[in-house]
Amino acid sequence: MDKRTLRIDKMRYQTNRSAYSLVLLSLVVSIIALFTLINYDDFGQGSAPTRVVPDLRIGLEIALGIIMMLVTFLGAEKVKFYDPLWSKIGLFVLAGINIFRMVNIPLYAFSKNWISATTKAVTMLEFGVAAGLLIAAGVISFWKVVRLHHHLKAMEPYGNDAV
């Protein structure tokens, strides 16, 4: 068995740590983005204090943030064990939702003059980084799942003892 085949064979017994770590890091960045957005307060600097007012749309963003936290953690656990569905579709859907969140709520809060342009840019960047991390994790996980699948297919003729 050559080194490449041995490395792929070890994937049967080892978890997908790189993709798992990227998904968890994406989760942390997404939480930071959400809290940066909803907890913004300029602490009275200027003529009138500026802060995010909790309305229906902000409430929906908070609810979406909670759901995204739970689903992203589920995705991390699934990717850790080379789940093909989450590697091929799930992480990319989550990244798409984060891209939607990147342009939706920060622009809304900025249009209402609840946040500054700097906070809008920072929040958009944080959601973008979270989406980028999910895409990177998806690509890494997809590549590993495909390699592992091909390796297991190649081992099939040897019987069930090889698997």
C-alpha atoms as a PDB file:
ATOM      1  CA  MET A   1       0.000   0.000   0.000  1.00  0.00           C
ATOM      2  CA  ASP A   2       1.484   3.343  -1.015  1.00  0.00           C
ATOM      3  CA  LYS A   3       1.462   6.435   1.201  1.00  0.00           C
ATOM      4  CA  ARG A   4      -1.518   8.061  -0.544  1.00  0.00           C
ATOM      5  CA  THR A   5      -3.673   4.938  -0.241  1.00  0.00           C
ATOM      6  CA  LEU A   6      -2.629   4.510   3.371  1.00  0.00           C
ATOM      7  CA  ARG A   7      -3.552   8.122   4.148  1.00  0.00           C
ATOM      8  CA  ILE A   8      -6.989   7.671   2.568  1.00  0.00           C
ATOM      9  CA  ASP A   9      -7.471   4.368   4.385  1.00  0.00           C
ATOM     10  CA  LYS A  10      -6.745   6.112   7.702  1.00  0.00           C
ATOM     11  CA  MET A  11      -9.697   8.428   6.990  1.00  0.00           C
ATOM     12  CA  ARG A  12     -12.000   5.483   7.763  1.00  0.00           C
ATOM     13  CA  TYR A  13     -10.884   5.634  11.383  1.00  0.00           C
ATOM     14  CA  GLN A  14     -10.085   9.330  11.857  1.00  0.00           C
ATOM     15  CA  THR A  15     -12.499  12.237  11.939  1.00  0.00           C
ATOM     16  CA  ASN A  16     -12.517  15.100   9.453  1.00  0.00           C
ATOM     17  CA  ARG A  17     -10.883  17.577  11.818  1.00  0.00           C
ATOM     18  CA  SER A  18     -10.038  20.285   9.289  1.00  0.00           C
ATOM     19  CA  ALA A  19     -13.584  20.726   7.945  1.00  0.00           C
ATOM     20  CA  TYR A  20     -15.043  20.324  11.437  1.00  0.00           C
ATOM     21  CA  SER A  21     -12.787  23.068  12.785  1.00  0.00           C
ATOM     22  CA  LEU A  22     -13.631  25.419   9.912  1.00  0.00           C
ATOM     23  CA  VAL A  23     -17.371  24.936  10.451  1.00  0.00           C
ATOM     24  CA  LEU A  24     -17.034  25.624  14.181  1.00  0.00           C
ATOM     25  CA  LEU A  25     -14.913  28.697  13.458  1.00  0.00           C
ATOM     26  CA  SER A  26     -17.607  29.853  11.027  1.00  0.00           C
ATOM     27  CA  LEU A  27     -20.170  29.410  13.786  1.00  0.00           C
ATOM     28  CA  VAL A  28     -18.130  31.584  16.153  1.00  0.00           C
ATOM     29  CA  VAL A  29     -17.644  34.308  13.527  1.00  0.00           C
ATOM     30  CA  SER A  30     -21.370  34.253  12.725  1.00  0.00           C
ATOM     31  CA  ILE A  31     -22.240  34.679  16.409  1.00  0.00           C
ATOM     32  CA  ILE A  32     -19.795  37.575  16.685  1.00  0.00           C
ATOM     33  CA  ALA A  33     -21.406  39.186  13.620  1.00  0.00           C
ATOM     34  CA  LEU A  34     -24.891  38.808  15.057  1.00  0.00           C
ATOM     35  CA  PHE A  35     -23.911  40.278  18.419  1.00  0.00           C
ATOM     36  CA  THR A  36     -21.970  43.086  16.757  1.00  0.00           C
ATOM     37  CA  LEU A  37     -25.117  43.966  14.873  1.00  0.00           C
ATOM     38  CA  ILE A  38     -27.825  43.653  17.513  1.00  0.00           C
ATOM     39  CA  ASN A  39     -25.830  45.073  20.428  1.00  0.00           C
ATOM     40  CA  TYR A  40     -24.562  48.154  18.643  1.00  0.00           C
ATOM     41  CA  ASP A  41     -24.679  51.320  20.699  1.00  0.00           C
ATOM     42  CA  ASP A  42     -22.603  54.438  20.147  1.00  0.00           C
ATOM     43  CA  PHE A  43     -23.014  55.304  23.841  1.00  0.00           C
ATOM     44  CA  GLY A  44     -24.448  58.747  23.223  1.00  0.00           C
ATOM     45  CA  GLN A  45     -21.625  60.094  21.112  1.00  0.00           C
ATOM     46  CA  GLY A  46     -23.181  62.795  18.979  1.00  0.00           C
ATOM     47  CA  SER A  47     -26.483  64.601  19.310  1.00  0.00           C
ATOM     48  CA  ALA A  48     -28.715  61.538  19.728  1.00  0.00           C
ATOM     49  CA  PRO A  49     -27.827  58.023  20.822  1.00  0.00           C
ATOM     50  CA  THR A  50     -27.796  55.465  18.022  1.00  0.00           C
ATOM     51  CA  ARG A  51     -28.718  51.897  18.732  1.00  0.00           C
ATOM     52  CA  VAL A  52     -30.505  49.017  17.071  1.00  0.00           C
ATOM     53  CA  VAL A  53     -34.219  49.067  17.838  1.00  0.00           C
ATOM     54  CA  PRO A  54     -35.767  45.623  18.248  1.00  0.00           C
ATOM     55  CA  ASP A  55     -38.476  45.376  15.611  1.00  0.00           C
ATOM     56  CA  LEU A  56     -39.985  42.416  13.748  1.00  0.00           C
ATOM     57  CA  ARG A  57     -37.161  42.167  11.239  1.00  0.00           C
ATOM     58  CA  ILE A  58     -34.463  42.238  13.916  1.00  0.00           C
ATOM     59  CA  GLY A  59     -36.443  39.629  15.873  1.00  0.00           C
ATOM     60  CA  LEU A  60     -36.571  37.415  12.780  1.00  0.00           C
ATOM     61  CA  GLU A  61     -32.812  37.840  12.353  1.00  0.00           C
ATOM     62  CA  ILE A  62     -32.256  36.773  15.955  1.00  0.00           C
ATOM     63  CA  ALA A  63     -34.508  33.737  15.445  1.00  0.00           C
ATOM     64  CA  LEU A  64     -32.663  32.908  12.209  1.00  0.00           C
ATOM     65  CA  GLY A  65     -29.367  33.314  14.064  1.00  0.00           C
ATOM     66  CA  ILE A  66     -30.437  30.796  16.705  1.00  0.00           C
ATOM     67  CA  ILE A  67     -31.600  28.326  14.070  1.00  0.00           C
ATOM     68  CA  MET A  68     -28.367  28.831  12.123  1.00  0.00           C
ATOM     69  CA  MET A  69     -26.316  28.158  15.248  1.00  0.00           C
ATOM     70  CA  LEU A  70     -28.094  24.865  15.829  1.00  0.00           C
ATOM     71  CA  VAL A  71     -28.004  23.754  12.195  1.00  0.00           C
ATOM     72  CA  THR A  72     -24.366  24.804  11.757  1.00  0.00           C
ATOM     73  CA  PHE A  73     -23.379  22.783  14.806  1.00  0.00           C
ATOM     74  CA  LEU A  74     -25.315  19.811  13.400  1.00  0.00           C
ATOM     75  CA  GLY A  75     -23.477  20.305  10.112  1.00  0.00           C
ATOM     76  CA  ALA A  76     -20.141  20.335  11.924  1.00  0.00           C
ATOM     77  CA  GLU A  77     -20.955  17.043  13.607  1.00  0.00           C
ATOM     78  CA  LYS A  78     -22.117  15.485  10.334  1.00  0.00           C
ATOM     79  CA  VAL A  79     -19.044  16.667   8.414  1.00  0.00           C
ATOM     80  CA  LYS A  80     -16.775  15.337  11.140  1.00  0.00           C
ATOM     81  CA  PHE A  81     -17.818  11.815  10.151  1.00  0.00           C
ATOM     82  CA  TYR A  82     -17.709  12.368   6.346  1.00  0.00           C
ATOM     83  CA  ASP A  83     -21.452  12.652   5.740  1.00  0.00           C
ATOM     84  CA  PRO A  84     -21.824  13.012   1.942  1.00  0.00           C
ATOM     85  CA  LEU A  85     -25.083  15.006   2.031  1.00  0.00           C
ATOM     86  CA  TRP A  86     -23.715  17.673   4.352  1.00  0.00           C
ATOM     87  CA  SER A  87     -20.395  17.759   2.496  1.00  0.00           C
ATOM     88  CA  LYS A  88     -21.970  18.164  -0.941  1.00  0.00           C
ATOM     89  CA  ILE A  89     -25.040  20.290  -0.167  1.00  0.00           C
ATOM     90  CA  GLY A  90     -25.534  21.242   3.490  1.00  0.00           C
ATOM     91  CA  LEU A  91     -22.506  23.438   4.063  1.00  0.00           C
ATOM     92  CA  PHE A  92     -23.045  25.302   0.807  1.00  0.00           C
ATOM     93  CA  VAL A  93     -26.684  26.004   1.718  1.00  0.00           C
ATOM     94  CA  LEU A  94     -25.554  27.345   5.095  1.00  0.00           C
ATOM     95  CA  ALA A  95     -22.965  29.519   3.324  1.00  0.00           C
ATOM     96  CA  GLY A  96     -25.687  30.855   1.037  1.00  0.00           C
ATOM     97  CA  ILE A  97     -27.845  31.752   4.018  1.00  0.00           C
ATOM     98  CA  ASN A  98     -24.909  33.595   5.581  1.00  0.00           C
ATOM     99  CA  ILE A  99     -24.394  35.507   2.320  1.00  0.00           C
ATOM    100  CA  PHE A 100     -28.077  36.470   2.444  1.00  0.00           C
ATOM    101  CA  ARG A 101     -27.639  37.563   6.065  1.00  0.00           C
ATOM    102  CA  MET A 102     -24.555  39.531   5.018  1.00  0.00           C
ATOM    103  CA  VAL A 103     -26.547  41.854   2.781  1.00  0.00           C
ATOM    104  CA  ASN A 104     -29.962  41.743   4.442  1.00  0.00           C
ATOM    105  CA  ILE A 105     -29.863  42.913   8.047  1.00  0.00           C
ATOM    106  CA  PRO A 106     -26.775  45.172   8.078  1.00  0.00           C
ATOM    107  CA  LEU A 107     -28.165  47.164   5.152  1.00  0.00           C
ATOM    108  CA  TYR A 108     -31.584  47.314   6.810  1.00  0.00           C
ATOM    109  CA  ALA A 109     -30.157  48.543  10.126  1.00  0.00           C
ATOM    110  CA  PHE A 110     -27.944  51.054   8.310  1.00  0.00           C
ATOM    111  CA  SER A 111     -30.892  52.373   6.280  1.00  0.00           C
ATOM    112  CA  LYS A 112     -32.743  53.008   9.565  1.00  0.00           C
ATOM    113  CA  ASN A 113     -29.653  54.865  10.915  1.00  0.00           C
ATOM    114  CA  TRP A 114     -29.341  52.353  13.749  1.00  0.00           C
ATOM    115  CA  ILE A 115     -25.721  51.481  12.990  1.00  0.00           C
ATOM    116  CA  SER A 116     -22.783  53.391  11.578  1.00  0.00           C
ATOM    117  CA  ALA A 117     -21.202  52.723   8.197  1.00  0.00           C
ATOM    118  CA  THR A 118     -18.207  51.177   9.953  1.00  0.00           C
ATOM    119  CA  THR A 119     -20.396  48.767  11.911  1.00  0.00           C
ATOM    120  CA  LYS A 120     -22.270  47.877   8.721  1.00  0.00           C
ATOM    121  CA  ALA A 121     -18.992  47.120   6.941  1.00  0.00           C
ATOM    122  CA  VAL A 122     -17.625  45.109   9.873  1.00  0.00           C
ATOM    123  CA  THR A 123     -20.822  43.072  10.197  1.00  0.00           C
ATOM    124  CA  MET A 124     -20.951  42.397   6.466  1.00  0.00           C
ATOM    125  CA  LEU A 125     -17.310  41.334   6.549  1.00  0.00           C
ATOM    126  CA  GLU A 126     -17.932  38.999   9.491  1.00  0.00           C
ATOM    127  CA  PHE A 127     -20.894  37.320   7.781  1.00  0.00           C
ATOM    128  CA  GLY A 128     -18.787  37.071   4.607  1.00  0.00           C
ATOM    129  CA  VAL A 129     -15.947  35.422   6.503  1.00  0.00           C
ATOM    130  CA  ALA A 130     -18.414  32.978   8.083  1.00  0.00           C
ATOM    131  CA  ALA A 131     -19.752  32.092   4.620  1.00  0.00           C
ATOM    132  CA  GLY A 132     -16.217  31.749   3.246  1.00  0.00           C
ATOM    133  CA  LEU A 133     -15.245  29.391   6.059  1.00  0.00           C
ATOM    134  CA  LEU A 134     -18.322  27.250   5.349  1.00  0.00           C
ATOM    135  CA  ILE A 135     -17.452  27.135   1.650  1.00  0.00           C
ATOM    136  CA  ALA A 136     -13.855  26.155   2.440  1.00  0.00           C
ATOM    137  CA  ALA A 137     -15.076  23.459   4.832  1.00  0.00           C
ATOM    138  CA  GLY A 138     -17.509  22.218   2.188  1.00  0.00           C
ATOM    139  CA  VAL A 139     -14.806  21.973  -0.470  1.00  0.00           C
ATOM    140  CA  ILE A 140     -12.406  20.179   1.873  1.00  0.00           C
ATOM    141  CA  SER A 141     -15.093  17.827   3.127  1.00  0.00           C
ATOM    142  CA  PHE A 142     -16.433  17.139  -0.371  1.00  0.00           C
ATOM    143  CA  TRP A 143     -12.933  16.293  -1.587  1.00  0.00           C
ATOM    144  CA  LYS A 144     -12.306  13.955   1.343  1.00  0.00           C
ATOM    145  CA  VAL A 145     -15.697  12.239   0.965  1.00  0.00           C
ATOM    146  CA  VAL A 146     -15.065  11.621  -2.739  1.00  0.00           C
ATOM    147  CA  ARG A 147     -11.581  10.229  -2.076  1.00  0.00           C
ATOM    148  CA  LEU A 148     -12.857   8.001   0.727  1.00  0.00           C
ATOM    149  CA  HIS A 149     -15.781   6.796  -1.400  1.00  0.00           C
ATOM    150  CA  HIS A 150     -13.466   5.879  -4.293  1.00  0.00           C
ATOM    151  CA  HIS A 151     -11.105   4.133  -1.907  1.00  0.00           C
ATOM    152  CA  LEU A 152     -13.923   2.072  -0.385  1.00  0.00           C
ATOM    153  CA  LYS A 153     -15.193   1.177  -3.875  1.00  0.00           C
ATOM    154  CA  ALA A 154     -11.716   0.001  -4.825  1.00  0.00           C
ATOM    155  CA  MET A 155     -11.573  -2.186  -1.719  1.00  0.00           C
ATOM    156  CA  GLU A 156     -14.939  -3.905  -2.376  1.00  0.00           C
ATOM    157  CA  PRO A 157     -13.543  -6.851  -4.361  1.00  0.00           C
ATOM    158  CA  TYR A 158     -11.528  -7.890  -1.307  1.00  0.00           C
ATOM    159  CA  GLY A 159     -14.670  -8.756   0.634  1.00  0.00           C
ATOM    160  CA  ASN A 160     -16.119  -7.475   3.869  1.00  0.00           C
ATOM    161  CA  ASP A 161     -12.923  -8.170   5.801  1.00  0.00           C
ATOM    162  CA  ALA A 162     -11.267  -5.155   4.157  1.00  0.00           C
ATOM    163  CA  VAL A 163     -14.011  -2.795   5.267  1.00  0.00           C
END
